Amino acid sequence: MTPEHIDRPAIVAEVTAAFYRYEQALISNDVDVLDELFWHDSRTVRLGAGENLYGIEEIRAFRAARPSTGLDRTLRHTVITTFGDDYAVCSTEFTREGTERIGRQQQTWVRLPCGWRIVAAQVSLMN
């Protein structure tokens, strides 16, 4: 891949919009949008602070059981990098309201026929 294929402005704008749509759905607990933005496949992975989810069905079950309060958070150091027209990595740190504990989130996004979808995600909390 050559440098001109990395971070094309139009592609960065598309992924940035998808990322912040996901973020808004996350803090408002909009399970339908969260589900929409993950790849509907058994190979989708979400590794969290206390869970390891393999496949869209496990991710859906986690979302359905997740508390719907206390989800507000502040992002910092967000980096969105695109590679070509169909692949992106989004990384960010976050803090939740009322705590100084730092969380980290990284997502791999792929453009599929249905649009940009998360194919792998990892969330961790730092001590």
Protein backbone atom coordinates (compact mmCIF):
# COMPACT_ATOMS: atom_id res chain seq x y z
CA MET A 1 0.00 0.00 0.00
CA THR A 2 1.35 3.39 -0.94
CA PRO A 3 1.06 6.53 1.22
CA GLU A 4 -1.60 8.07 -1.03
CA HIS A 5 -3.94 5.18 -0.11
CA ILE A 6 -3.71 5.95 3.61
CA ASP A 7 -6.13 8.46 5.15
CA ARG A 8 -7.92 9.59 2.02
CA PRO A 9 -10.09 12.47 3.28
CA ALA A 10 -13.40 11.12 1.95
CA ILE A 11 -12.81 7.69 3.48
CA VAL A 12 -11.69 9.17 6.80
CA ALA A 13 -14.89 11.24 6.86
CA GLU A 14 -17.03 8.14 6.27
CA VAL A 15 -15.35 6.13 9.01
CA THR A 16 -15.36 9.07 11.41
CA ALA A 17 -19.12 9.44 10.94
CA ALA A 18 -19.63 5.70 11.55
CA PHE A 19 -17.38 5.77 14.64
CA TYR A 20 -19.24 8.69 16.23
CA ARG A 21 -22.59 7.14 15.32
CA TYR A 22 -21.43 4.07 17.24
CA GLU A 23 -20.27 6.23 20.15
CA GLN A 24 -23.62 8.01 20.35
CA ALA A 25 -25.45 4.69 20.28
CA LEU A 26 -23.15 3.36 22.99
CA ILE A 27 -23.79 6.16 25.48
CA SER A 28 -27.53 6.21 24.74
CA ASN A 29 -27.70 2.38 24.82
CA ASP A 30 -29.28 2.25 21.36
CA VAL A 31 -28.94 -1.51 21.00
CA ASP A 32 -30.41 -1.54 17.48
CA VAL A 33 -27.72 0.79 16.13
CA LEU A 34 -24.97 -1.00 18.05
CA ASP A 35 -26.12 -4.28 16.53
CA GLU A 36 -26.33 -2.72 13.07
CA LEU A 37 -22.74 -1.48 13.22
CA PHE A 38 -21.23 -4.86 14.06
CA TRP A 39 -20.66 -7.38 11.29
CA HIS A 40 -23.41 -9.99 11.51
CA ASP A 41 -21.09 -12.97 11.40
CA SER A 42 -19.80 -15.73 13.66
CA ARG A 43 -16.25 -14.42 13.10
CA THR A 44 -16.94 -11.02 14.69
CA VAL A 45 -15.03 -10.59 17.94
CA ARG A 46 -15.49 -8.23 20.90
CA LEU A 47 -12.99 -8.54 23.72
CA GLY A 48 -13.97 -6.45 26.73
CA ALA A 49 -12.80 -5.63 30.21
CA GLY A 50 -14.68 -8.61 31.62
CA GLU A 51 -15.94 -10.57 28.64
CA ASN A 52 -14.71 -12.37 25.55
CA LEU A 53 -17.41 -12.47 22.90
CA TYR A 54 -17.09 -14.53 19.74
CA GLY A 55 -19.72 -14.08 17.07
CA ILE A 56 -22.59 -11.67 16.63
CA GLU A 57 -24.98 -13.77 18.75
CA GLU A 58 -22.73 -13.50 21.84
CA ILE A 59 -22.30 -9.77 21.24
CA ARG A 60 -26.07 -9.33 20.95
CA ALA A 61 -26.66 -11.24 24.18
CA PHE A 62 -24.09 -9.07 25.98
CA ARG A 63 -25.75 -5.87 24.73
CA ALA A 64 -29.21 -7.08 25.75
CA ALA A 65 -28.03 -7.79 29.32
CA ARG A 66 -25.92 -4.63 29.74
CA PRO A 67 -27.14 -1.96 32.18
CA SER A 68 -28.54 1.09 30.40
CA THR A 69 -27.35 3.71 32.92
CA GLY A 70 -23.95 5.19 33.69
CA LEU A 71 -22.77 4.96 30.10
CA ASP A 72 -21.67 8.59 29.58
CA ARG A 73 -17.99 8.94 28.86
CA THR A 74 -15.46 11.39 27.55
CA LEU A 75 -13.17 10.43 24.68
CA ARG A 76 -9.59 11.55 24.28
CA HIS A 77 -6.68 10.73 21.99
CA THR A 78 -8.99 9.38 19.30
CA VAL A 79 -7.12 8.26 16.18
CA ILE A 80 -8.88 7.06 13.05
CA THR A 81 -6.67 5.68 10.30
CA THR A 82 -7.91 4.33 6.99
CA PHE A 83 -6.08 2.03 4.60
CA GLY A 84 -7.42 2.08 1.07
CA ASP A 85 -11.15 2.38 0.59
CA ASP A 86 -12.35 -0.51 2.73
CA TYR A 87 -10.33 -0.88 5.95
CA ALA A 88 -9.89 1.29 9.03
CA VAL A 89 -8.69 1.19 12.62
CA CYS A 90 -10.20 3.43 15.31
CA SER A 91 -8.45 3.80 18.65
CA THR A 92 -9.44 5.96 21.60
CA GLU A 93 -9.11 6.41 25.33
CA PHE A 94 -12.10 7.23 27.51
CA THR A 95 -13.07 8.09 31.04
CA ARG A 96 -16.48 7.52 32.53
CA GLU A 97 -18.28 10.21 34.49
CA GLY A 98 -17.28 10.12 38.16
CA THR A 99 -14.00 8.24 37.74
CA GLU A 100 -10.47 8.96 36.63
CA ARG A 101 -9.93 5.37 35.49
CA ILE A 102 -8.88 5.29 31.85
CA GLY A 103 -10.36 2.88 29.35
CA ARG A 104 -9.02 2.05 25.95
CA GLN A 105 -10.98 0.97 22.91
CA GLN A 106 -9.82 -0.21 19.54
CA GLN A 107 -12.03 -1.21 16.63
CA THR A 108 -11.32 -2.67 13.23
CA TRP A 109 -13.83 -1.45 10.63
CA VAL A 110 -14.35 -2.93 7.18
CA ARG A 111 -16.53 -1.62 4.37
CA LEU A 112 -19.00 -4.37 3.48
CA PRO A 113 -21.83 -4.24 0.92
CA CYS A 114 -24.11 -3.07 3.78
CA GLY A 115 -21.69 -0.27 4.80
CA TRP A 116 -18.95 0.22 7.38
CA ARG A 117 -19.04 -2.48 10.08
CA ILE A 118 -16.95 -3.37 13.11
CA VAL A 119 -15.37 -6.79 12.62
CA ALA A 120 -13.24 -6.76 15.78
CA ALA A 121 -13.28 -4.65 18.92
CA GLN A 122 -11.31 -4.58 22.14
CA VAL A 123 -12.06 -2.61 25.31
CA SER A 124 -9.76 -2.54 28.31
CA LEU A 125 -9.59 -0.63 31.58
CA MET A 126 -6.33 0.63 33.03
CA ASN A 127 -5.64 0.62 36.75
